[in-house]
Amino acid sequence: MSVKDELTVIQRSLEDLDRAIGRLEQRLGKGALDVRRLRADAGHLREDLALLRAGAAPPVEPPLQMVTVSDTPYDPSLWKDADDEGLGCRDRRAP
C-alpha cells in the first residue's frame, strides 16, 4: 500500500472515530470530562494527519534552466596567481 493509501485509511478511521464519539456524546452528554478529552484527542489526531499529508506530498522542484557556457577562451588574468594542481607553487620545485 502506498503512503497516500495509508493516509486515506487513517482519514476514514478518524471519521469513524468522530462518529463513535458523537454517539458517546449523545449518551453521556457533551459535558462529560472524558468525552471532551476524547474529542480533543481526536482533534489532535486530525491535525497530525494534516501535517503528515502536507509532508508526504512530493517536494516541488523548480524547473531546470539551461545555462549557456561560452566557447571563447577565459581571460588569462583570472589564473595569474593560481597554482597548478599537482605541480606545486611556481617558485618551488614539485616533489
PDB file of N, CA and C in Angstrom:
ATOM      1  N   MET A   1       0.842  -1.172   0.000  1.00  0.00           N
ATOM      2  CA  MET A   1       0.000   0.000   0.000  1.00  0.00           C
ATOM      3  C   MET A   1       0.891   1.241   0.000  1.00  0.00           C
ATOM      4  N   SER A   2       0.520   2.227  -0.793  1.00  0.00           N
ATOM      5  CA  SER A   2       1.308   3.454  -0.855  1.00  0.00           C
ATOM      6  C   SER A   2       1.021   4.331   0.369  1.00  0.00           C
ATOM      7  N   VAL A   3       1.859   5.322   0.545  1.00  0.00           N
ATOM      8  CA  VAL A   3       1.678   6.252   1.670  1.00  0.00           C
ATOM      9  C   VAL A   3       0.341   6.967   1.539  1.00  0.00           C
ATOM     10  N   LYS A   4      -0.009   7.334   0.312  1.00  0.00           N
ATOM     11  CA  LYS A   4      -1.290   8.021   0.088  1.00  0.00           C
ATOM     12  C   LYS A   4      -2.454   7.124   0.508  1.00  0.00           C
ATOM     13  N   ASP A   5      -2.363   5.837   0.161  1.00  0.00           N
ATOM     14  CA  ASP A   5      -3.424   4.899   0.546  1.00  0.00           C
ATOM     15  C   ASP A   5      -3.505   4.755   2.066  1.00  0.00           C
ATOM     16  N   GLU A   6      -2.351   4.668   2.711  1.00  0.00           N
ATOM     17  CA  GLU A   6      -2.322   4.548   4.170  1.00  0.00           C
ATOM     18  C   GLU A   6      -2.950   5.771   4.832  1.00  0.00           C
ATOM     19  N   LEU A   7      -2.628   6.946   4.320  1.00  0.00           N
ATOM     20  CA  LEU A   7      -3.196   8.173   4.884  1.00  0.00           C
ATOM     21  C   LEU A   7      -4.704   8.231   4.676  1.00  0.00           C
ATOM     22  N   THR A   8      -5.174   7.712   3.546  1.00  0.00           N
ATOM     23  CA  THR A   8      -6.611   7.658   3.295  1.00  0.00           C
ATOM     24  C   THR A   8      -7.296   6.712   4.278  1.00  0.00           C
ATOM     25  N   VAL A   9      -6.661   5.585   4.562  1.00  0.00           N
ATOM     26  CA  VAL A   9      -7.220   4.641   5.539  1.00  0.00           C
ATOM     27  C   VAL A   9      -7.304   5.299   6.910  1.00  0.00           C
ATOM     28  N   ILE A  10      -6.261   6.031   7.290  1.00  0.00           N
ATOM     29  CA  ILE A  10      -6.262   6.725   8.582  1.00  0.00           C
ATOM     30  C   ILE A  10      -7.376   7.772   8.613  1.00  0.00           C
ATOM     31  N   GLN A  11      -7.560   8.498   7.496  1.00  0.00           N
ATOM     32  CA  GLN A  11      -8.612   9.511   7.426  1.00  0.00           C
ATOM     33  C   GLN A  11      -9.985   8.872   7.650  1.00  0.00           C
ATOM     34  N   ARG A  12     -10.227   7.745   7.017  1.00  0.00           N
ATOM     35  CA  ARG A  12     -11.512   7.059   7.198  1.00  0.00           C
ATOM     36  C   ARG A  12     -11.683   6.589   8.640  1.00  0.00           C
ATOM     37  N   SER A  13     -10.599   6.101   9.222  1.00  0.00           N
ATOM     38  CA  SER A  13     -10.669   5.653  10.618  1.00  0.00           C
ATOM     39  C   SER A  13     -10.984   6.818  11.550  1.00  0.00           C
ATOM     40  N   LEU A  14     -10.407   7.985  11.271  1.00  0.00           N
ATOM     41  CA  LEU A  14     -10.702   9.163  12.096  1.00  0.00           C
ATOM     42  C   LEU A  14     -12.157   9.596  11.939  1.00  0.00           C
ATOM     43  N   GLU A  15     -12.683   9.459  10.726  1.00  0.00           N
ATOM     44  CA  GLU A  15     -14.099   9.788  10.526  1.00  0.00           C
ATOM     45  C   GLU A  15     -14.976   8.817  11.310  1.00  0.00           C
ATOM     46  N   ASP A  16     -14.615   7.526  11.312  1.00  0.00           N
ATOM     47  CA  ASP A  16     -15.361   6.545  12.122  1.00  0.00           C
ATOM     48  C   ASP A  16     -15.261   6.889  13.603  1.00  0.00           C
ATOM     49  N   LEU A  17     -14.079   7.292  14.042  1.00  0.00           N
ATOM     50  CA  LEU A  17     -13.882   7.675  15.441  1.00  0.00           C
ATOM     51  C   LEU A  17     -14.755   8.873  15.801  1.00  0.00           C
ATOM     52  N   ASP A  18     -14.826   9.853  14.912  1.00  0.00           N
ATOM     53  CA  ASP A  18     -15.672  11.034  15.159  1.00  0.00           C
ATOM     54  C   ASP A  18     -17.139  10.635  15.319  1.00  0.00           C
ATOM     55  N   ARG A  19     -17.596   9.721  14.462  1.00  0.00           N
ATOM     56  CA  ARG A  19     -18.986   9.268  14.580  1.00  0.00           C
ATOM     57  C   ARG A  19     -19.216   8.544  15.907  1.00  0.00           C
ATOM     58  N   ALA A  20     -18.251   7.714  16.304  1.00  0.00           N
ATOM     59  CA  ALA A  20     -18.393   6.983  17.565  1.00  0.00           C
ATOM     60  C   ALA A  20     -18.384   7.945  18.752  1.00  0.00           C
ATOM     61  N   ILE A  21     -17.552   8.965  18.697  1.00  0.00           N
ATOM     62  CA  ILE A  21     -17.511   9.953  19.777  1.00  0.00           C
ATOM     63  C   ILE A  21     -18.838  10.712  19.821  1.00  0.00           C
ATOM     64  N   GLY A  22     -19.396  11.002  18.646  1.00  0.00           N
ATOM     65  CA  GLY A  22     -20.693  11.669  18.597  1.00  0.00           C
ATOM     66  C   GLY A  22     -21.784  10.841  19.274  1.00  0.00           C
ATOM     67  N   ARG A  23     -21.758   9.529  19.055  1.00  0.00           N
ATOM     68  CA  ARG A  23     -22.739   8.661  19.710  1.00  0.00           C
ATOM     69  C   ARG A  23     -22.533   8.655  21.227  1.00  0.00           C
ATOM     70  N   LEU A  24     -21.251   8.656  21.659  1.00  0.00           N
ATOM     71  CA  LEU A  24     -20.977   8.724  23.102  1.00  0.00           C
ATOM     72  C   LEU A  24     -21.472  10.034  23.700  1.00  0.00           C
ATOM     73  N   GLU A  25     -21.283  11.121  22.958  1.00  0.00           N
ATOM     74  CA  GLU A  25     -21.749  12.425  23.439  1.00  0.00           C
ATOM     75  C   GLU A  25     -23.268  12.423  23.622  1.00  0.00           C
ATOM     76  N   GLN A  26     -23.965  11.747  22.731  1.00  0.00           N
ATOM     77  CA  GLN A  26     -25.433  11.678  22.853  1.00  0.00           C
ATOM     78  C   GLN A  26     -25.827  10.884  24.096  1.00  0.00           C
ATOM     79  N   ARG A  27     -25.098   9.851  24.405  1.00  0.00           N
ATOM     80  CA  ARG A  27     -25.452   9.006  25.553  1.00  0.00           C
ATOM     81  C   ARG A  27     -24.963   9.573  26.878  1.00  0.00           C
ATOM     82  N   LEU A  28     -23.723  10.082  26.883  1.00  0.00           N
ATOM     83  CA  LEU A  28     -23.124  10.537  28.142  1.00  0.00           C
ATOM     84  C   LEU A  28     -23.221  12.045  28.337  1.00  0.00           C
ATOM     85  N   GLY A  29     -23.518  12.770  27.280  1.00  0.00           N
ATOM     86  CA  GLY A  29     -23.564  14.225  27.365  1.00  0.00           C
ATOM     87  C   GLY A  29     -22.225  14.824  26.953  1.00  0.00           C
ATOM     88  N   LYS A  30     -22.301  15.993  26.319  1.00  0.00           N
ATOM     89  CA  LYS A  30     -21.083  16.654  25.844  1.00  0.00           C
ATOM     90  C   LYS A  30     -20.250  17.214  26.976  1.00  0.00           C
ATOM     91  N   GLY A  31     -20.853  17.371  28.139  1.00  0.00           N
ATOM     92  CA  GLY A  31     -20.138  17.965  29.267  1.00  0.00           C
ATOM     93  C   GLY A  31     -19.272  16.989  30.026  1.00  0.00           C
ATOM     94  N   ALA A  32     -19.395  15.686  29.732  1.00  0.00           N
ATOM     95  CA  ALA A  32     -18.597  14.688  30.450  1.00  0.00           C
ATOM     96  C   ALA A  32     -17.118  14.920  30.140  1.00  0.00           C
ATOM     97  N   LEU A  33     -16.317  14.973  31.200  1.00  0.00           N
ATOM     98  CA  LEU A  33     -14.897  15.293  31.047  1.00  0.00           C
ATOM     99  C   LEU A  33     -14.190  14.318  30.120  1.00  0.00           C
ATOM    100  N   ASP A  34     -14.434  13.037  30.287  1.00  0.00           N
ATOM    101  CA  ASP A  34     -13.749  12.041  29.459  1.00  0.00           C
ATOM    102  C   ASP A  34     -14.131  12.165  27.985  1.00  0.00           C
ATOM    103  N   VAL A  35     -15.374  12.500  27.719  1.00  0.00           N
ATOM    104  CA  VAL A  35     -15.818  12.660  26.336  1.00  0.00           C
ATOM    105  C   VAL A  35     -15.170  13.899  25.723  1.00  0.00           C
ATOM    106  N   ARG A  36     -15.084  14.981  26.494  1.00  0.00           N
ATOM    107  CA  ARG A  36     -14.426  16.198  25.996  1.00  0.00           C
ATOM    108  C   ARG A  36     -12.959  15.926  25.687  1.00  0.00           C
ATOM    109  N   ARG A  37     -12.289  15.179  26.569  1.00  0.00           N
ATOM    110  CA  ARG A  37     -10.878  14.859  26.339  1.00  0.00           C
ATOM    111  C   ARG A  37     -10.721  13.975  25.102  1.00  0.00           C
ATOM    112  N   LEU A  38     -11.628  13.031  24.930  1.00  0.00           N
ATOM    113  CA  LEU A  38     -11.592  12.161  23.760  1.00  0.00           C
ATOM    114  C   LEU A  38     -11.795  12.970  22.483  1.00  0.00           C
ATOM    115  N   ARG A  39     -12.730  13.923  22.516  1.00  0.00           N
ATOM    116  CA  ARG A  39     -12.980  14.791  21.355  1.00  0.00           C
ATOM    117  C   ARG A  39     -11.730  15.621  21.051  1.00  0.00           C
ATOM    118  N   ALA A  40     -11.084  16.147  22.094  1.00  0.00           N
ATOM    119  CA  ALA A  40      -9.861  16.946  21.900  1.00  0.00           C
ATOM    120  C   ALA A  40      -8.741  16.089  21.316  1.00  0.00           C
ATOM    121  N   ASP A  41      -8.601  14.864  21.821  1.00  0.00           N
ATOM    122  CA  ASP A  41      -7.566  13.966  21.299  1.00  0.00           C
ATOM    123  C   ASP A  41      -7.808  13.638  19.828  1.00  0.00           C
ATOM    124  N   ALA A  42      -9.068  13.432  19.469  1.00  0.00           N
ATOM    125  CA  ALA A  42      -9.394  13.163  18.069  1.00  0.00           C
ATOM    126  C   ALA A  42      -9.045  14.376  17.203  1.00  0.00           C
ATOM    127  N   GLY A  43      -9.257  15.572  17.743  1.00  0.00           N
ATOM    128  CA  GLY A  43      -8.876  16.784  17.014  1.00  0.00           C
ATOM    129  C   GLY A  43      -7.374  16.861  16.792  1.00  0.00           C
ATOM    130  N   HIS A  44      -6.609  16.469  17.812  1.00  0.00           N
ATOM    131  CA  HIS A  44      -5.144  16.455  17.663  1.00  0.00           C
ATOM    132  C   HIS A  44      -4.718  15.447  16.589  1.00  0.00           C
ATOM    133  N   LEU A  45      -5.390  14.307  16.554  1.00  0.00           N
ATOM    134  CA  LEU A  45      -5.069  13.312  15.530  1.00  0.00           C
ATOM    135  C   LEU A  45      -5.360  13.843  14.129  1.00  0.00           C
ATOM    136  N   ARG A  46      -6.468  14.578  13.972  1.00  0.00           N
ATOM    137  CA  ARG A  46      -6.772  15.170  12.672  1.00  0.00           C
ATOM    138  C   ARG A  46      -5.699  16.173  12.271  1.00  0.00           C
ATOM    139  N   GLU A  47      -5.233  16.991  13.228  1.00  0.00           N
ATOM    140  CA  GLU A  47      -4.177  17.962  12.930  1.00  0.00           C
ATOM    141  C   GLU A  47      -2.884  17.250  12.537  1.00  0.00           C
ATOM    142  N   ASP A  48      -2.545  16.177  13.261  1.00  0.00           N
ATOM    143  CA  ASP A  48      -1.338  15.425  12.944  1.00  0.00           C
ATOM    144  C   ASP A  48      -1.428  14.790  11.560  1.00  0.00           C
ATOM    145  N   LEU A  49      -2.602  14.288  11.215  1.00  0.00           N
ATOM    146  CA  LEU A  49      -2.784  13.701   9.900  1.00  0.00           C
ATOM    147  C   LEU A  49      -2.624  14.752   8.806  1.00  0.00           C
ATOM    148  N   ALA A  50      -3.137  15.951   9.051  1.00  0.00           N
ATOM    149  CA  ALA A  50      -2.980  17.033   8.072  1.00  0.00           C
ATOM    150  C   ALA A  50      -1.500  17.365   7.880  1.00  0.00           C
ATOM    151  N   LEU A  51      -0.738  17.363   8.966  1.00  0.00           N
ATOM    152  CA  LEU A  51       0.703  17.607   8.849  1.00  0.00           C
ATOM    153  C   LEU A  51       1.386  16.493   8.070  1.00  0.00           C
ATOM    154  N   LEU A  52       0.975  15.257   8.324  1.00  0.00           N
ATOM    155  CA  LEU A  52       1.547  14.133   7.578  1.00  0.00           C
ATOM    156  C   LEU A  52       1.229  14.238   6.094  1.00  0.00           C
ATOM    157  N   ARG A  53      -0.007  14.599   5.789  1.00  0.00           N
ATOM    158  CA  ARG A  53      -0.385  14.751   4.380  1.00  0.00           C
ATOM    159  C   ARG A  53       0.445  15.839   3.709  1.00  0.00           C
ATOM    160  N   ALA A  54       0.667  16.933   4.408  1.00  0.00           N
ATOM    161  CA  ALA A  54       1.463  18.023   3.836  1.00  0.00           C
ATOM    162  C   ALA A  54       2.916  17.585   3.644  1.00  0.00           C
ATOM    163  N   GLY A  55       3.440  16.805   4.588  1.00  0.00           N
ATOM    164  CA  GLY A  55       4.818  16.354   4.486  1.00  0.00           C
ATOM    165  C   GLY A  55       4.999  15.217   3.506  1.00  0.00           C
ATOM    166  N   ALA A  56       3.940  14.467   3.221  1.00  0.00           N
ATOM    167  CA  ALA A  56       4.039  13.324   2.320  1.00  0.00           C
ATOM    168  C   ALA A  56       3.980  13.741   0.856  1.00  0.00           C
ATOM    169  N   ALA A  57       3.522  14.956   0.612  1.00  0.00           N
ATOM    170  CA  ALA A  57       3.465  15.426  -0.772  1.00  0.00           C
ATOM    171  C   ALA A  57       4.884  15.571  -1.305  1.00  0.00           C
ATOM    172  N   PRO A  58       5.120  15.141  -2.534  1.00  0.00           N
ATOM    173  CA  PRO A  58       6.473  15.259  -3.066  1.00  0.00           C
ATOM    174  C   PRO A  58       6.878  16.724  -3.168  1.00  0.00           C
ATOM    175  N   PRO A  59       8.133  17.018  -2.874  1.00  0.00           N
ATOM    176  CA  PRO A  59       8.568  18.416  -2.931  1.00  0.00           C
ATOM    177  C   PRO A  59       8.494  18.934  -4.364  1.00  0.00           C
ATOM    178  N   VAL A  60       8.098  20.161  -4.479  1.00  0.00           N
ATOM    179  CA  VAL A  60       8.001  20.787  -5.793  1.00  0.00           C
ATOM    180  C   VAL A  60       9.356  21.403  -6.116  1.00  0.00           C
ATOM    181  N   GLU A  61       9.967  20.900  -7.176  1.00  0.00           N
ATOM    182  CA  GLU A  61      11.266  21.414  -7.580  1.00  0.00           C
ATOM    183  C   GLU A  61      11.084  22.407  -8.711  1.00  0.00           C
ATOM    184  N   PRO A  62      11.863  23.470  -8.684  1.00  0.00           N
ATOM    185  CA  PRO A  62      11.747  24.434  -9.782  1.00  0.00           C
ATOM    186  C   PRO A  62      12.233  23.788 -11.077  1.00  0.00           C
ATOM    187  N   PRO A  63      11.669  24.189 -12.187  1.00  0.00           N
ATOM    188  CA  PRO A  63      12.105  23.594 -13.457  1.00  0.00           C
ATOM    189  C   PRO A  63      13.569  23.930 -13.735  1.00  0.00           C
ATOM    190  N   LEU A  64      14.258  22.991 -14.371  1.00  0.00           N
ATOM    191  CA  LEU A  64      15.661  23.213 -14.704  1.00  0.00           C
ATOM    192  C   LEU A  64      15.770  24.263 -15.788  1.00  0.00           C
ATOM    193  N   GLN A  65      16.802  25.081 -15.678  1.00  0.00           N
ATOM    194  CA  GLN A  65      17.021  26.108 -16.683  1.00  0.00           C
ATOM    195  C   GLN A  65      18.324  25.827 -17.398  1.00  0.00           C
ATOM    196  N   MET A  66      18.329  26.064 -18.679  1.00  0.00           N
ATOM    197  CA  MET A  66      19.512  25.851 -19.500  1.00  0.00           C
ATOM    198  C   MET A  66      20.517  26.964 -19.221  1.00  0.00           C
ATOM    199  N   VAL A  67      21.760  26.570 -18.979  1.00  0.00           N
ATOM    200  CA  VAL A  67      22.838  27.536 -18.772  1.00  0.00           C
ATOM    201  C   VAL A  67      23.776  27.433 -19.961  1.00  0.00           C
ATOM    202  N   THR A  68      23.989  28.526 -20.625  1.00  0.00           N
ATOM    203  CA  THR A  68      24.857  28.543 -21.787  1.00  0.00           C
ATOM    204  C   THR A  68      26.279  28.881 -21.352  1.00  0.00           C
ATOM    205  N   VAL A  69      27.236  28.056 -21.794  1.00  0.00           N
ATOM    206  CA  VAL A  69      28.648  28.287 -21.491  1.00  0.00           C
ATOM    207  C   VAL A  69      29.318  28.680 -22.790  1.00  0.00           C
ATOM    208  N   SER A  70      29.966  29.814 -22.761  1.00  0.00           N
ATOM    209  CA  SER A  70      30.601  30.342 -23.959  1.00  0.00           C
ATOM    210  C   SER A  70      31.821  29.501 -24.341  1.00  0.00           C
ATOM    211  N   ASP A  71      32.089  29.416 -25.654  1.00  0.00           N
ATOM    212  CA  ASP A  71      33.256  28.689 -26.154  1.00  0.00           C
ATOM    213  C   ASP A  71      34.496  29.569 -26.221  1.00  0.00           C
ATOM    214  N   THR A  72      34.353  30.844 -25.949  1.00  0.00           N
ATOM    215  CA  THR A  72      35.510  31.739 -26.018  1.00  0.00           C
ATOM    216  C   THR A  72      36.461  31.441 -24.854  1.00  0.00           C
ATOM    217  N   PRO A  73      37.761  31.578 -25.076  1.00  0.00           N
ATOM    218  CA  PRO A  73      38.726  31.288 -24.011  1.00  0.00           C
ATOM    219  C   PRO A  73      38.565  32.268 -22.840  1.00  0.00           C
ATOM    220  N   TYR A  74      38.898  31.767 -21.646  1.00  0.00           N
ATOM    221  CA  TYR A  74      38.850  32.618 -20.466  1.00  0.00           C
ATOM    222  C   TYR A  74      39.986  33.632 -20.501  1.00  0.00           C
ATOM    223  N   ASP A  75      39.804  34.711 -19.804  1.00  0.00           N
ATOM    224  CA  ASP A  75      40.828  35.743 -19.682  1.00  0.00           C
ATOM    225  C   ASP A  75      41.993  35.164 -18.870  1.00  0.00           C
ATOM    226  N   PRO A  76      43.202  35.135 -19.389  1.00  0.00           N
ATOM    227  CA  PRO A  76      44.338  34.556 -18.674  1.00  0.00           C
ATOM    228  C   PRO A  76      44.631  35.255 -17.339  1.00  0.00           C
ATOM    229  N   SER A  77      44.195  36.492 -17.165  1.00  0.00           N
ATOM    230  CA  SER A  77      44.461  37.187 -15.900  1.00  0.00           C
ATOM    231  C   SER A  77      43.682  36.550 -14.736  1.00  0.00           C
ATOM    232  N   LEU A  78      42.655  35.757 -15.055  1.00  0.00           N
ATOM    233  CA  LEU A  78      41.925  35.060 -13.998  1.00  0.00           C
ATOM    234  C   LEU A  78      42.818  34.055 -13.274  1.00  0.00           C
ATOM    235  N   TRP A  79      43.808  33.528 -13.963  1.00  0.00           N
ATOM    236  CA  TRP A  79      44.654  32.465 -13.418  1.00  0.00           C
ATOM    237  C   TRP A  79      46.027  32.993 -13.000  1.00  0.00           C
ATOM    238  N   LYS A  80      46.198  34.303 -12.951  1.00  0.00           N
ATOM    239  CA  LYS A  80      47.507  34.923 -12.701  1.00  0.00           C
ATOM    240  C   LYS A  80      48.161  34.405 -11.420  1.00  0.00           C
ATOM    241  N   ASP A  81      47.462  34.338 -10.317  1.00  0.00           N
ATOM    242  CA  ASP A  81      48.051  33.939  -9.040  1.00  0.00           C
ATOM    243  C   ASP A  81      47.725  32.505  -8.648  1.00  0.00           C
ATOM    244  N   ALA A  82      47.167  31.741  -9.564  1.00  0.00           N
ATOM    245  CA  ALA A  82      46.753  30.376  -9.235  1.00  0.00           C
ATOM    246  C   ALA A  82      47.917  29.405  -9.389  1.00  0.00           C
ATOM    247  N   ASP A  83      47.900  28.364  -8.579  1.00  0.00           N
ATOM    248  CA  ASP A  83      48.903  27.307  -8.685  1.00  0.00           C
ATOM    249  C   ASP A  83      48.316  26.159  -9.495  1.00  0.00           C
ATOM    250  N   ASP A  84      49.168  25.493 -10.253  1.00  0.00           N
ATOM    251  CA  ASP A  84      48.725  24.309 -10.981  1.00  0.00           C
ATOM    252  C   ASP A  84      48.681  23.145 -10.017  1.00  0.00           C
ATOM    253  N   GLU A  85      47.541  22.489  -9.923  1.00  0.00           N
ATOM    254  CA  GLU A  85      47.431  21.349  -9.005  1.00  0.00           C
ATOM    255  C   GLU A  85      48.375  20.245  -9.443  1.00  0.00           C
ATOM    256  N   GLY A  86      49.058  19.682  -8.478  1.00  0.00           N
ATOM    257  CA  GLY A  86      49.969  18.582  -8.757  1.00  0.00           C
ATOM    258  C   GLY A  86      51.363  19.046  -9.130  1.00  0.00           C
ATOM    259  N   LEU A  87      51.522  20.308  -9.459  1.00  0.00           N
ATOM    260  CA  LEU A  87      52.839  20.811  -9.841  1.00  0.00           C
ATOM    261  C   LEU A  87      53.455  21.680  -8.754  1.00  0.00           C
ATOM    262  N   GLY A  88      52.669  22.076  -7.783  1.00  0.00           N
ATOM    263  CA  GLY A  88      53.196  22.905  -6.717  1.00  0.00           C
ATOM    264  C   GLY A  88      53.225  24.367  -7.082  1.00  0.00           C
ATOM    265  N   CYS A  89      53.857  25.148  -6.237  1.00  0.00           N
ATOM    266  CA  CYS A  89      53.925  26.589  -6.449  1.00  0.00           C
ATOM    267  C   CYS A  89      54.950  26.918  -7.533  1.00  0.00           C
ATOM    268  N   ARG A  90      54.788  28.074  -8.142  1.00  0.00           N
ATOM    269  CA  ARG A  90      55.670  28.483  -9.230  1.00  0.00           C
ATOM    270  C   ARG A  90      57.103  28.688  -8.757  1.00  0.00           C
ATOM    271  N   ASP A  91      57.267  29.159  -7.528  1.00  0.00           N
ATOM    272  CA  ASP A  91      58.620  29.463  -7.075  1.00  0.00           C
ATOM    273  C   ASP A  91      59.289  28.275  -6.374  1.00  0.00           C
ATOM    274  N   ARG A  92      58.660  27.095  -6.365  1.00  0.00           N
ATOM    275  CA  ARG A  92      59.233  25.901  -5.734  1.00  0.00           C
ATOM    276  C   ARG A  92      59.188  24.741  -6.717  1.00  0.00           C
ATOM    277  N   ARG A  93      59.998  23.747  -6.444  1.00  0.00           N
ATOM    278  CA  ARG A  93      60.009  22.549  -7.278  1.00  0.00           C
ATOM    279  C   ARG A  93      58.910  21.599  -6.843  1.00  0.00           C
ATOM    280  N   ALA A  94      58.405  20.864  -7.804  1.00  0.00           N
ATOM    281  CA  ALA A  94      57.440  19.820  -7.481  1.00  0.00           C
ATOM    282  C   ALA A  94      58.184  18.650  -6.841  1.00  0.00           C
ATOM    283  N   PRO A  95      57.566  17.948  -5.910  1.00  0.00           N
ATOM    284  CA  PRO A  95      58.272  16.831  -5.255  1.00  0.00           C
ATOM    285  C   PRO A  95      58.537  15.680  -6.206  1.00  0.00           C
TER     286      PRO A  95
END
